[in-house]
Every structure is written in C-alpha cells, then in structure tokens.
C-alpha cells in the first residue's frame, strides 16, 4: 500500500474522517474506528504503514 500520515478531522460514531497530510486537497478518508487506536480524538495525528495506524500526536 504505502506510508501515509493523517489528521483526524471528525469522529462520527463508529467512523473517523481522516485528512491525508501530504495531500490535503484529496477527499477525506472514512475509516472504521475499530481499525484505529482507541485514544484518538479530533485533531489527533496518525501514521499508517503495513495496514496499521499508530498515534503520533495530538
């Protein structure tokens, strides 16, 4: 797949809307919260690599 960095823009129930930090003009990515670290909140930064999201900052 690839290596990407995202910002959590909105949490909507069981899903989170993520913005790709390298391509902010792209559409937001909708991801099931079950695939994300539990402690995320709006404004959190995530790193995606090898099919895994890790929290990198607030």
C-alpha atoms as a PDB file:
ATOM      1  CA  UNK A   1       0.000   0.000   0.000  1.00  0.00           C
ATOM      2  CA  UNK A   2       2.142   2.823   1.239  1.00  0.00           C
ATOM      3  CA  UNK A   3       3.124   5.028   4.117  1.00  0.00           C
ATOM      4  CA  UNK A   4       0.831   7.940   4.965  1.00  0.00           C
ATOM      5  CA  UNK A   5       0.248  10.468   7.725  1.00  0.00           C
ATOM      6  CA  UNK A   6      -3.271  11.587   8.595  1.00  0.00           C
ATOM      7  CA  UNK A   7      -5.105  14.007  10.850  1.00  0.00           C
ATOM      8  CA  UNK A   8      -8.422  13.022  12.436  1.00  0.00           C
ATOM      9  CA  UNK A   9     -10.817  15.710  11.226  1.00  0.00           C
ATOM     10  CA  UNK A  10     -14.085  14.346  12.604  1.00  0.00           C
ATOM     11  CA  UNK A  11     -15.283  11.388  14.647  1.00  0.00           C
ATOM     12  CA  UNK A  12     -18.749  10.257  13.619  1.00  0.00           C
ATOM     13  CA  UNK A  13     -19.967   7.302  15.673  1.00  0.00           C
ATOM     14  CA  UNK A  14     -18.070   4.183  14.611  1.00  0.00           C
ATOM     15  CA  UNK A  15     -16.115   6.021  11.910  1.00  0.00           C
ATOM     16  CA  UNK A  16     -13.426   8.688  11.687  1.00  0.00           C
ATOM     17  CA  UNK A  17     -12.819  11.102   8.819  1.00  0.00           C
ATOM     18  CA  UNK A  18      -9.085  11.405   8.097  1.00  0.00           C
ATOM     19  CA  UNK A  19      -7.187  14.016   6.068  1.00  0.00           C
ATOM     20  CA  UNK A  20      -4.006  12.925   4.291  1.00  0.00           C
ATOM     21  CA  UNK A  21      -1.378  15.435   5.456  1.00  0.00           C
ATOM     22  CA  UNK A  22       0.683  15.042   2.277  1.00  0.00           C
ATOM     23  CA  UNK A  23      -2.345  15.627   0.023  1.00  0.00           C
ATOM     24  CA  UNK A  24      -4.797  17.829   1.951  1.00  0.00           C
ATOM     25  CA  UNK A  25      -6.746  18.614  -1.224  1.00  0.00           C
ATOM     26  CA  UNK A  26      -7.835  14.952  -1.532  1.00  0.00           C
ATOM     27  CA  UNK A  27     -11.192  13.748  -0.229  1.00  0.00           C
ATOM     28  CA  UNK A  28     -11.334  12.770   3.422  1.00  0.00           C
ATOM     29  CA  UNK A  29     -10.836   9.064   4.081  1.00  0.00           C
ATOM     30  CA  UNK A  30     -13.569   7.311   6.067  1.00  0.00           C
ATOM     31  CA  UNK A  31     -12.112   4.639   8.382  1.00  0.00           C
ATOM     32  CA  UNK A  32     -13.838   2.363  10.903  1.00  0.00           C
ATOM     33  CA  UNK A  33     -12.777   3.281  14.436  1.00  0.00           C
ATOM     34  CA  UNK A  34     -12.163  -0.409  15.156  1.00  0.00           C
ATOM     35  CA  UNK A  35      -9.067  -0.111  12.921  1.00  0.00           C
ATOM     36  CA  UNK A  36      -7.718   2.947  14.760  1.00  0.00           C
ATOM     37  CA  UNK A  37      -6.080   3.405  18.180  1.00  0.00           C
ATOM     38  CA  UNK A  38      -8.761   3.749  20.890  1.00  0.00           C
ATOM     39  CA  UNK A  39      -7.381   7.010  22.265  1.00  0.00           C
ATOM     40  CA  UNK A  40      -7.850   9.061  19.073  1.00  0.00           C
ATOM     41  CA  UNK A  41      -9.770  12.321  19.172  1.00  0.00           C
ATOM     42  CA  UNK A  42     -10.425  15.078  16.680  1.00  0.00           C
ATOM     43  CA  UNK A  43      -7.089  16.691  15.874  1.00  0.00           C
ATOM     44  CA  UNK A  44      -5.040  13.533  16.535  1.00  0.00           C
ATOM     45  CA  UNK A  45      -2.268  12.656  14.085  1.00  0.00           C
ATOM     46  CA  UNK A  46      -1.901   9.107  12.786  1.00  0.00           C
ATOM     47  CA  UNK A  47       0.798   7.255  10.883  1.00  0.00           C
ATOM     48  CA  UNK A  48      -0.265   4.447   8.526  1.00  0.00           C
ATOM     49  CA  UNK A  49       2.155   1.717   7.494  1.00  0.00           C
ATOM     50  CA  UNK A  50       1.807  -2.044   6.838  1.00  0.00           C
ATOM     51  CA  UNK A  51      -2.001  -1.937   7.299  1.00  0.00           C
ATOM     52  CA  UNK A  52      -1.636  -0.426  10.790  1.00  0.00           C
ATOM     53  CA  UNK A  53      -2.472   3.013  12.195  1.00  0.00           C
ATOM     54  CA  UNK A  54      -0.394   4.389  15.079  1.00  0.00           C
ATOM     55  CA  UNK A  55      -0.979   7.568  17.062  1.00  0.00           C
ATOM     56  CA  UNK A  56       1.825  10.093  16.547  1.00  0.00           C
ATOM     57  CA  UNK A  57       0.467  13.176  18.265  1.00  0.00           C
ATOM     58  CA  UNK A  58      -2.437  15.366  19.194  1.00  0.00           C
END
